[in-house]
PDB file of N, CA and C in Angstrom:
ATOM      1  N   UNK A   1      65.358-110.796 -68.270  1.00  0.00           N
ATOM      2  CA  UNK A   1      64.646-109.752 -67.563  1.00  0.00           C
ATOM      3  C   UNK A   1      64.005-108.776 -68.539  1.00  0.00           C
ATOM      4  N   UNK A   2      64.693-108.474 -69.660  1.00  0.00           N
ATOM      5  CA  UNK A   2      64.144-107.530 -70.614  1.00  0.00           C
ATOM      6  C   UNK A   2      65.190-107.101 -71.616  1.00  0.00           C
ATOM      7  N   UNK A   3      64.892-106.059 -72.338  1.00  0.00           N
ATOM      8  CA  UNK A   3      65.774-105.514 -73.368  1.00  0.00           C
ATOM      9  C   UNK A   3      66.584-104.381 -72.758  1.00  0.00           C
ATOM     10  N   UNK A   4      67.895-104.396 -72.993  1.00  0.00           N
ATOM     11  CA  UNK A   4      68.763-103.331 -72.495  1.00  0.00           C
ATOM     12  C   UNK A   4      68.908-102.257 -73.550  1.00  0.00           C
ATOM     13  N   UNK A   5      68.678-101.009 -73.174  1.00  0.00           N
ATOM     14  CA  UNK A   5      68.881 -99.867 -74.057  1.00  0.00           C
ATOM     15  C   UNK A   5      69.672 -98.819 -73.300  1.00  0.00           C
ATOM     16  N   UNK A   6      70.588 -98.204 -73.975  1.00  0.00           N
ATOM     17  CA  UNK A   6      71.401 -97.154 -73.373  1.00  0.00           C
ATOM     18  C   UNK A   6      70.633 -95.835 -73.405  1.00  0.00           C
ATOM     19  N   UNK A   7      70.718 -95.093 -72.314  1.00  0.00           N
ATOM     20  CA  UNK A   7      70.096 -93.776 -72.245  1.00  0.00           C
ATOM     21  C   UNK A   7      71.079 -92.796 -71.613  1.00  0.00           C
ATOM     22  N   UNK A   8      70.850 -91.537 -71.864  1.00  0.00           N
ATOM     23  CA  UNK A   8      71.630 -90.485 -71.233  1.00  0.00           C
ATOM     24  C   UNK A   8      70.665 -89.676 -70.377  1.00  0.00           C
ATOM     25  N   UNK A   9      71.034 -89.454 -69.145  1.00  0.00           N
ATOM     26  CA  UNK A   9      70.151 -88.768 -68.215  1.00  0.00           C
ATOM     27  C   UNK A   9      70.870 -87.554 -67.642  1.00  0.00           C
ATOM     28  N   UNK A  10      70.277 -86.384 -67.807  1.00  0.00           N
ATOM     29  CA  UNK A  10      70.863 -85.157 -67.284  1.00  0.00           C
ATOM     30  C   UNK A  10      70.115 -84.746 -66.024  1.00  0.00           C
ATOM     31  N   UNK A  11      70.870 -84.641 -64.922  1.00  0.00           N
ATOM     32  CA  UNK A  11      70.313 -84.218 -63.640  1.00  0.00           C
ATOM     33  C   UNK A  11      71.271 -83.231 -62.997  1.00  0.00           C
ATOM     34  N   UNK A  12      70.765 -82.476 -62.055  1.00  0.00           N
ATOM     35  CA  UNK A  12      71.644 -81.586 -61.297  1.00  0.00           C
ATOM     36  C   UNK A  12      72.559 -82.421 -60.408  1.00  0.00           C
ATOM     37  N   UNK A  13      73.624 -81.810 -59.951  1.00  0.00           N
ATOM     38  CA  UNK A  13      74.539 -82.504 -59.043  1.00  0.00           C
ATOM     39  C   UNK A  13      73.798 -83.001 -57.803  1.00  0.00           C
ATOM     40  N   UNK A  14      72.908 -82.162 -57.287  1.00  0.00           N
ATOM     41  CA  UNK A  14      72.127 -82.528 -56.102  1.00  0.00           C
ATOM     42  C   UNK A  14      71.261 -83.756 -56.375  1.00  0.00           C
ATOM     43  N   UNK A  15      70.625 -83.803 -57.558  1.00  0.00           N
ATOM     44  CA  UNK A  15      69.794 -84.951 -57.907  1.00  0.00           C
ATOM     45  C   UNK A  15      70.615 -86.223 -58.074  1.00  0.00           C
ATOM     46  N   UNK A  16      71.803 -86.088 -58.681  1.00  0.00           N
ATOM     47  CA  UNK A  16      72.677 -87.258 -58.828  1.00  0.00           C
ATOM     48  C   UNK A  16      73.119 -87.779 -57.467  1.00  0.00           C
ATOM     49  N   UNK A  17      73.422 -86.879 -56.553  1.00  0.00           N
ATOM     50  CA  UNK A  17      73.819 -87.306 -55.208  1.00  0.00           C
ATOM     51  C   UNK A  17      72.683 -88.049 -54.525  1.00  0.00           C
ATOM     52  N   UNK A  18      71.468 -87.530 -54.666  1.00  0.00           N
ATOM     53  CA  UNK A  18      70.307 -88.200 -54.093  1.00  0.00           C
ATOM     54  C   UNK A  18      70.134 -89.583 -54.714  1.00  0.00           C
ATOM     55  N   UNK A  19      70.190 -89.634 -56.063  1.00  0.00           N
ATOM     56  CA  UNK A  19      70.015 -90.903 -56.761  1.00  0.00           C
ATOM     57  C   UNK A  19      71.068 -91.919 -56.324  1.00  0.00           C
ATOM     58  N   UNK A  20      72.318 -91.499 -56.252  1.00  0.00           N
ATOM     59  CA  UNK A  20      73.385 -92.418 -55.865  1.00  0.00           C
ATOM     60  C   UNK A  20      73.210 -92.914 -54.434  1.00  0.00           C
ATOM     61  N   UNK A  21      72.739 -92.043 -53.568  1.00  0.00           N
ATOM     62  CA  UNK A  21      72.501 -92.461 -52.184  1.00  0.00           C
ATOM     63  C   UNK A  21      71.395 -93.517 -52.127  1.00  0.00           C
ATOM     64  N   UNK A  22      70.304 -93.256 -52.845  1.00  0.00           N
ATOM     65  CA  UNK A  22      69.175 -94.191 -52.849  1.00  0.00           C
ATOM     66  C   UNK A  22      69.512 -95.490 -53.583  1.00  0.00           C
ATOM     67  N   UNK A  23      70.323 -95.402 -54.635  1.00  0.00           N
ATOM     68  CA  UNK A  23      70.644 -96.568 -55.457  1.00  0.00           C
ATOM     69  C   UNK A  23      71.596 -97.532 -54.748  1.00  0.00           C
ATOM     70  N   UNK A  24      72.307 -97.050 -53.763  1.00  0.00           N
ATOM     71  CA  UNK A  24      73.230 -97.884 -52.992  1.00  0.00           C
ATOM     72  C   UNK A  24      74.146 -98.708 -53.902  1.00  0.00           C
ATOM     73  N   UNK A  25      74.720 -98.022 -54.895  1.00  0.00           N
ATOM     74  CA  UNK A  25      75.689 -98.667 -55.768  1.00  0.00           C
ATOM     75  C   UNK A  25      75.123 -99.369 -56.983  1.00  0.00           C
ATOM     76  N   UNK A  26      73.809 -99.370 -57.159  1.00  0.00           N
ATOM     77  CA  UNK A  26      73.225-100.054 -58.315  1.00  0.00           C
ATOM     78  C   UNK A  26      72.169 -99.146 -58.959  1.00  0.00           C
ATOM     79  N   UNK A  27      72.645 -98.195 -59.764  1.00  0.00           N
ATOM     80  CA  UNK A  27      71.736 -97.245 -60.421  1.00  0.00           C
ATOM     81  C   UNK A  27      70.711 -97.947 -61.294  1.00  0.00           C
ATOM     82  N   UNK A  28      71.153 -98.925 -62.056  1.00  0.00           N
ATOM     83  CA  UNK A  28      70.269 -99.623 -62.980  1.00  0.00           C
ATOM     84  C   UNK A  28      69.089-100.250 -62.244  1.00  0.00           C
ATOM     85  N   UNK A  29      69.368-100.970 -61.177  1.00  0.00           N
ATOM     86  CA  UNK A  29      68.302-101.615 -60.402  1.00  0.00           C
ATOM     87  C   UNK A  29      67.357-100.567 -59.821  1.00  0.00           C
ATOM     88  N   UNK A  30      67.927 -99.499 -59.265  1.00  0.00           N
ATOM     89  CA  UNK A  30      67.107 -98.456 -58.649  1.00  0.00           C
ATOM     90  C   UNK A  30      66.183 -97.797 -59.680  1.00  0.00           C
ATOM     91  N   UNK A  31      66.735 -97.432 -60.834  1.00  0.00           N
ATOM     92  CA  UNK A  31      65.914 -96.791 -61.875  1.00  0.00           C
ATOM     93  C   UNK A  31      64.855 -97.753 -62.410  1.00  0.00           C
ATOM     94  N   UNK A  32      65.199 -99.026 -62.546  1.00  0.00           N
ATOM     95  CA  UNK A  32      64.222-100.028 -62.990  1.00  0.00           C
ATOM     96  C   UNK A  32      63.063-100.101 -61.993  1.00  0.00           C
ATOM     97  N   UNK A  33      63.373-100.082 -60.689  1.00  0.00           N
ATOM     98  CA  UNK A  33      62.322-100.123 -59.671  1.00  0.00           C
ATOM     99  C   UNK A  33      61.436 -98.882 -59.729  1.00  0.00           C
ATOM    100  N   UNK A  34      62.044 -97.730 -59.976  1.00  0.00           N
ATOM    101  CA  UNK A  34      61.252 -96.502 -60.106  1.00  0.00           C
ATOM    102  C   UNK A  34      60.272 -96.628 -61.276  1.00  0.00           C
ATOM    103  N   UNK A  35      60.756 -97.136 -62.408  1.00  0.00           N
ATOM    104  CA  UNK A  35      59.886 -97.305 -63.581  1.00  0.00           C
ATOM    105  C   UNK A  35      58.782 -98.305 -63.274  1.00  0.00           C
ATOM    106  N   UNK A  36      59.116 -99.440 -62.685  1.00  0.00           N
ATOM    107  CA  UNK A  36      58.096-100.446 -62.347  1.00  0.00           C
ATOM    108  C   UNK A  36      57.047 -99.878 -61.404  1.00  0.00           C
ATOM    109  N   UNK A  37      57.495 -99.117 -60.401  1.00  0.00           N
ATOM    110  CA  UNK A  37      56.539 -98.503 -59.468  1.00  0.00           C
ATOM    111  C   UNK A  37      55.638 -97.507 -60.173  1.00  0.00           C
ATOM    112  N   UNK A  38      56.210 -96.714 -61.064  1.00  0.00           N
ATOM    113  CA  UNK A  38      55.406 -95.736 -61.807  1.00  0.00           C
ATOM    114  C   UNK A  38      54.379 -96.444 -62.683  1.00  0.00           C
ATOM    115  N   UNK A  39      54.797 -97.514 -63.335  1.00  0.00           N
ATOM    116  CA  UNK A  39      53.861 -98.266 -64.170  1.00  0.00           C
ATOM    117  C   UNK A  39      52.774 -98.912 -63.333  1.00  0.00           C
ATOM    118  N   UNK A  40      53.152 -99.422 -62.173  1.00  0.00           N
ATOM    119  CA  UNK A  40      52.167-100.034 -61.282  1.00  0.00           C
ATOM    120  C   UNK A  40      51.141 -99.030 -60.815  1.00  0.00           C
ATOM    121  N   UNK A  41      51.592 -97.836 -60.426  1.00  0.00           N
ATOM    122  CA  UNK A  41      50.658 -96.809 -59.984  1.00  0.00           C
ATOM    123  C   UNK A  41      49.735 -96.377 -61.104  1.00  0.00           C
ATOM    124  N   UNK A  42      50.284 -96.265 -62.311  1.00  0.00           N
ATOM    125  CA  UNK A  42      49.475 -95.859 -63.460  1.00  0.00           C
ATOM    126  C   UNK A  42      48.423 -96.917 -63.774  1.00  0.00           C
ATOM    127  N   UNK A  43      48.788 -98.179 -63.668  1.00  0.00           N
ATOM    128  CA  UNK A  43      47.852 -99.250 -63.972  1.00  0.00           C
ATOM    129  C   UNK A  43      46.776 -99.394 -62.905  1.00  0.00           C
ATOM    130  N   UNK A  44      47.077 -99.003 -61.671  1.00  0.00           N
ATOM    131  CA  UNK A  44      46.112 -99.143 -60.591  1.00  0.00           C
ATOM    132  C   UNK A  44      45.067 -98.031 -60.625  1.00  0.00           C
ATOM    133  N   UNK A  45      45.425 -96.886 -61.133  1.00  0.00           N
ATOM    134  CA  UNK A  45      44.522 -95.747 -61.120  1.00  0.00           C
ATOM    135  C   UNK A  45      44.055 -95.445 -62.532  1.00  0.00           C
ATOM    136  N   UNK A  46      42.824 -95.089 -62.671  1.00  0.00           N
ATOM    137  CA  UNK A  46      42.293 -94.711 -63.972  1.00  0.00           C
ATOM    138  C   UNK A  46      41.124 -93.762 -63.761  1.00  0.00           C
ATOM    139  N   UNK A  47      40.755 -93.082 -64.809  1.00  0.00           N
ATOM    140  CA  UNK A  47      39.580 -92.212 -64.727  1.00  0.00           C
ATOM    141  C   UNK A  47      38.335 -93.031 -64.406  1.00  0.00           C
ATOM    142  N   UNK A  48      38.262 -94.246 -64.963  1.00  0.00           N
ATOM    143  CA  UNK A  48      37.101 -95.095 -64.684  1.00  0.00           C
ATOM    144  C   UNK A  48      37.048 -95.477 -63.207  1.00  0.00           C
ATOM    145  N   UNK A  49      38.216 -95.750 -62.617  1.00  0.00           N
ATOM    146  CA  UNK A  49      38.248 -96.073 -61.186  1.00  0.00           C
ATOM    147  C   UNK A  49      37.752 -94.881 -60.379  1.00  0.00           C
ATOM    148  N   UNK A  50      38.216 -93.686 -60.739  1.00  0.00           N
ATOM    149  CA  UNK A  50      37.777 -92.498 -60.018  1.00  0.00           C
ATOM    150  C   UNK A  50      36.260 -92.332 -60.141  1.00  0.00           C
ATOM    151  N   UNK A  51      35.744 -92.492 -61.347  1.00  0.00           N
ATOM    152  CA  UNK A  51      34.302 -92.354 -61.546  1.00  0.00           C
ATOM    153  C   UNK A  51      33.540 -93.403 -60.745  1.00  0.00           C
ATOM    154  N   UNK A  52      34.111 -94.588 -60.636  1.00  0.00           N
ATOM    155  CA  UNK A  52      33.483 -95.625 -59.809  1.00  0.00           C
ATOM    156  C   UNK A  52      33.385 -95.194 -58.355  1.00  0.00           C
ATOM    157  N   UNK A  53      34.462 -94.579 -57.836  1.00  0.00           N
ATOM    158  CA  UNK A  53      34.417 -94.052 -56.472  1.00  0.00           C
ATOM    159  C   UNK A  53      33.337 -92.987 -56.339  1.00  0.00           C
ATOM    160  N   UNK A  54      33.273 -92.096 -57.314  1.00  0.00           N
ATOM    161  CA  UNK A  54      32.288 -91.009 -57.266  1.00  0.00           C
ATOM    162  C   UNK A  54      30.865 -91.566 -57.287  1.00  0.00           C
ATOM    163  N   UNK A  55      30.619 -92.556 -58.139  1.00  0.00           N
ATOM    164  CA  UNK A  55      29.286 -93.170 -58.220  1.00  0.00           C
ATOM    165  C   UNK A  55      28.937 -93.852 -56.898  1.00  0.00           C
ATOM    166  N   UNK A  56      29.893 -94.602 -56.344  1.00  0.00           N
ATOM    167  CA  UNK A  56      29.644 -95.293 -55.079  1.00  0.00           C
ATOM    168  C   UNK A  56      29.344 -94.292 -53.968  1.00  0.00           C
ATOM    169  N   UNK A  57      30.115 -93.193 -53.913  1.00  0.00           N
ATOM    170  CA  UNK A  57      29.868 -92.171 -52.897  1.00  0.00           C
ATOM    171  C   UNK A  57      28.520 -91.497 -53.073  1.00  0.00           C
ATOM    172  N   UNK A  58      28.167 -91.199 -54.315  1.00  0.00           N
ATOM    173  CA  UNK A  58      26.879 -90.553 -54.585  1.00  0.00           C
ATOM    174  C   UNK A  58      25.721 -91.469 -54.192  1.00  0.00           C
ATOM    175  N   UNK A  59      25.846 -92.765 -54.493  1.00  0.00           N
ATOM    176  CA  UNK A  59      24.789 -93.719 -54.094  1.00  0.00           C
ATOM    177  C   UNK A  59      24.675 -93.793 -52.579  1.00  0.00           C
ATOM    178  N   UNK A  60      25.820 -93.762 -51.897  1.00  0.00           N
ATOM    179  CA  UNK A  60      25.812 -93.819 -50.437  1.00  0.00           C
ATOM    180  C   UNK A  60      25.090 -92.603 -49.850  1.00  0.00           C
ATOM    181  N   UNK A  61      25.184 -91.473 -50.552  1.00  0.00           N
ATOM    182  CA  UNK A  61      24.517 -90.248 -50.098  1.00  0.00           C
ATOM    183  C   UNK A  61      23.060 -90.164 -50.546  1.00  0.00           C
ATOM    184  N   UNK A  62      22.605 -91.167 -51.304  1.00  0.00           N
ATOM    185  CA  UNK A  62      21.212 -91.197 -51.719  1.00  0.00           C
ATOM    186  C   UNK A  62      20.895 -90.417 -52.980  1.00  0.00           C
ATOM    187  N   UNK A  63      21.920 -90.084 -53.778  1.00  0.00           N
ATOM    188  CA  UNK A  63      21.664 -89.387 -55.044  1.00  0.00           C
ATOM    189  C   UNK A  63      20.829 -90.286 -55.944  1.00  0.00           C
ATOM    190  N   UNK A  64      19.875 -89.668 -56.665  1.00  0.00           N
ATOM    191  CA  UNK A  64      19.112 -90.458 -57.627  1.00  0.00           C
ATOM    192  C   UNK A  64      19.930 -90.618 -58.916  1.00  0.00           C
ATOM    193  N   UNK A  65      19.463 -91.487 -59.806  1.00  0.00           N
ATOM    194  CA  UNK A  65      20.215 -91.801 -61.023  1.00  0.00           C
ATOM    195  C   UNK A  65      20.495 -90.564 -61.874  1.00  0.00           C
ATOM    196  N   UNK A  66      19.544 -89.650 -61.945  1.00  0.00           N
ATOM    197  CA  UNK A  66      19.741 -88.441 -62.754  1.00  0.00           C
ATOM    198  C   UNK A  66      20.876 -87.591 -62.189  1.00  0.00           C
ATOM    199  N   UNK A  67      20.901 -87.403 -60.877  1.00  0.00           N
ATOM    200  CA  UNK A  67      21.963 -86.616 -60.238  1.00  0.00           C
ATOM    201  C   UNK A  67      23.316 -87.311 -60.384  1.00  0.00           C
ATOM    202  N   UNK A  68      23.352 -88.628 -60.274  1.00  0.00           N
ATOM    203  CA  UNK A  68      24.606 -89.367 -60.453  1.00  0.00           C
ATOM    204  C   UNK A  68      25.097 -89.195 -61.879  1.00  0.00           C
ATOM    205  N   UNK A  69      24.185 -89.270 -62.838  1.00  0.00           N
ATOM    206  CA  UNK A  69      24.549 -89.083 -64.243  1.00  0.00           C
ATOM    207  C   UNK A  69      25.132 -87.682 -64.455  1.00  0.00           C
ATOM    208  N   UNK A  70      24.515 -86.652 -63.881  1.00  0.00           N
ATOM    209  CA  UNK A  70      25.024 -85.283 -63.992  1.00  0.00           C
ATOM    210  C   UNK A  70      26.414 -85.169 -63.362  1.00  0.00           C
ATOM    211  N   UNK A  71      26.593 -85.774 -62.202  1.00  0.00           N
ATOM    212  CA  UNK A  71      27.880 -85.738 -61.521  1.00  0.00           C
ATOM    213  C   UNK A  71      28.964 -86.401 -62.365  1.00  0.00           C
ATOM    214  N   UNK A  72      28.673 -87.580 -62.891  1.00  0.00           N
ATOM    215  CA  UNK A  72      29.644 -88.303 -63.715  1.00  0.00           C
ATOM    216  C   UNK A  72      30.005 -87.487 -64.955  1.00  0.00           C
ATOM    217  N   UNK A  73      29.026 -86.906 -65.615  1.00  0.00           N
ATOM    218  CA  UNK A  73      29.308 -86.081 -66.799  1.00  0.00           C
ATOM    219  C   UNK A  73      30.167 -84.876 -66.440  1.00  0.00           C
ATOM    220  N   UNK A  74      29.871 -84.233 -65.322  1.00  0.00           N
ATOM    221  CA  UNK A  74      30.640 -83.060 -64.906  1.00  0.00           C
ATOM    222  C   UNK A  74      32.086 -83.437 -64.596  1.00  0.00           C
ATOM    223  N   UNK A  75      32.268 -84.524 -63.869  1.00  0.00           N
ATOM    224  CA  UNK A  75      33.627 -84.965 -63.539  1.00  0.00           C
ATOM    225  C   UNK A  75      34.358 -85.375 -64.805  1.00  0.00           C
ATOM    226  N   UNK A  76      33.692 -86.130 -65.657  1.00  0.00           N
ATOM    227  CA  UNK A  76      34.310 -86.604 -66.896  1.00  0.00           C
ATOM    228  C   UNK A  76      34.810 -85.425 -67.732  1.00  0.00           C
ATOM    229  N   UNK A  77      34.032 -84.347 -67.772  1.00  0.00           N
ATOM    230  CA  UNK A  77      34.437 -83.162 -68.519  1.00  0.00           C
ATOM    231  C   UNK A  77      35.684 -82.507 -67.946  1.00  0.00           C
ATOM    232  N   UNK A  78      35.871 -82.626 -66.638  1.00  0.00           N
ATOM    233  CA  UNK A  78      37.049 -82.028 -65.994  1.00  0.00           C
ATOM    234  C   UNK A  78      38.328 -82.796 -66.303  1.00  0.00           C
ATOM    235  N   UNK A  79      38.216 -84.084 -66.653  1.00  0.00           N
ATOM    236  CA  UNK A  79      39.409 -84.859 -66.990  1.00  0.00           C
ATOM    237  C   UNK A  79      40.177 -84.217 -68.148  1.00  0.00           C
ATOM    238  N   UNK A  80      39.454 -83.583 -69.060  1.00  0.00           N
ATOM    239  CA  UNK A  80      40.090 -82.986 -70.231  1.00  0.00           C
ATOM    240  C   UNK A  80      40.640 -81.582 -69.981  1.00  0.00           C
ATOM    241  N   UNK A  81      40.217 -80.967 -68.896  1.00  0.00           N
ATOM    242  CA  UNK A  81      40.633 -79.586 -68.674  1.00  0.00           C
ATOM    243  C   UNK A  81      41.557 -79.398 -67.472  1.00  0.00           C
ATOM    244  N   UNK A  82      41.659 -80.403 -66.622  1.00  0.00           N
ATOM    245  CA  UNK A  82      42.501 -80.300 -65.426  1.00  0.00           C
ATOM    246  C   UNK A  82      43.511 -81.442 -65.407  1.00  0.00           C
ATOM    247  N   UNK A  83      44.742 -81.107 -65.074  1.00  0.00           N
ATOM    248  CA  UNK A  83      45.753 -82.146 -64.892  1.00  0.00           C
ATOM    249  C   UNK A  83      45.567 -82.755 -63.503  1.00  0.00           C
ATOM    250  N   UNK A  84      46.210 -83.899 -63.265  1.00  0.00           N
ATOM    251  CA  UNK A  84      46.135 -84.518 -61.942  1.00  0.00           C
ATOM    252  C   UNK A  84      46.669 -83.571 -60.862  1.00  0.00           C
ATOM    253  N   UNK A  85      47.824 -82.915 -61.076  1.00  0.00           N
ATOM    254  CA  UNK A  85      48.282 -81.972 -60.044  1.00  0.00           C
ATOM    255  C   UNK A  85      47.298 -80.823 -59.804  1.00  0.00           C
ATOM    256  N   UNK A  86      46.656 -80.336 -60.867  1.00  0.00           N
ATOM    257  CA  UNK A  86      45.664 -79.267 -60.691  1.00  0.00           C
ATOM    258  C   UNK A  86      44.485 -79.761 -59.865  1.00  0.00           C
ATOM    259  N   UNK A  87      44.026 -80.976 -60.137  1.00  0.00           N
ATOM    260  CA  UNK A  87      42.913 -81.539 -59.369  1.00  0.00           C
ATOM    261  C   UNK A  87      43.309 -81.729 -57.911  1.00  0.00           C
ATOM    262  N   UNK A  88      44.546 -82.172 -57.676  1.00  0.00           N
ATOM    263  CA  UNK A  88      45.030 -82.320 -56.300  1.00  0.00           C
ATOM    264  C   UNK A  88      45.042 -80.976 -55.585  1.00  0.00           C
ATOM    265  N   UNK A  89      45.483 -79.924 -56.283  1.00  0.00           N
ATOM    266  CA  UNK A  89      45.494 -78.581 -55.690  1.00  0.00           C
ATOM    267  C   UNK A  89      44.085 -78.133 -55.333  1.00  0.00           C
ATOM    268  N   UNK A  90      43.136 -78.389 -56.215  1.00  0.00           N
ATOM    269  CA  UNK A  90      41.745 -78.009 -55.945  1.00  0.00           C
ATOM    270  C   UNK A  90      41.260 -78.689 -54.669  1.00  0.00           C
ATOM    271  N   UNK A  91      41.570 -79.974 -54.531  1.00  0.00           N
ATOM    272  CA  UNK A  91      41.152 -80.705 -53.336  1.00  0.00           C
ATOM    273  C   UNK A  91      41.841 -80.151 -52.085  1.00  0.00           C
ATOM    274  N   UNK A  92      43.157 -79.983 -52.166  1.00  0.00           N
ATOM    275  CA  UNK A  92      43.908 -79.510 -50.995  1.00  0.00           C
ATOM    276  C   UNK A  92      43.464 -78.110 -50.556  1.00  0.00           C
ATOM    277  N   UNK A  93      43.083 -77.276 -51.505  1.00  0.00           N
ATOM    278  CA  UNK A  93      42.686 -75.912 -51.188  1.00  0.00           C
ATOM    279  C   UNK A  93      41.206 -75.793 -50.808  1.00  0.00           C
ATOM    280  N   UNK A  94      40.478 -76.893 -50.913  1.00  0.00           N
ATOM    281  CA  UNK A  94      39.048 -76.857 -50.592  1.00  0.00           C
ATOM    282  C   UNK A  94      38.834 -77.027 -49.090  1.00  0.00           C
ATOM    283  N   UNK A  95      37.614 -76.811 -48.661  1.00  0.00           N
ATOM    284  CA  UNK A  95      37.240 -77.008 -47.262  1.00  0.00           C
ATOM    285  C   UNK A  95      36.815 -78.442 -46.989  1.00  0.00           C
ATOM    286  N   UNK A  96      36.925 -79.312 -47.971  1.00  0.00           N
ATOM    287  CA  UNK A  96      36.466 -80.689 -47.808  1.00  0.00           C
ATOM    288  C   UNK A  96      37.597 -81.564 -47.388  1.00  0.00           C
TER     289      UNK A  96
END
């Protein structure tokens, strides 16, 4: 299956209780699944994928190539200044 490495994990009592409940007696399997899911989500999403969505949406709205280029550059610049949670907050707090 893979390489076994020992780790030490510090959590609050409440977090350990939650983990043990979810793990149903097999912490190793549960934590492995969490890591696999996190890796899967990371591999499915990328800045390029997001830009592809933005380009497709802009084309659907009839933006010309110059406006699409400006939009892509503006979004690309935000990748370096905003974290994913910050971007999510901006969206949630918007009227869109």
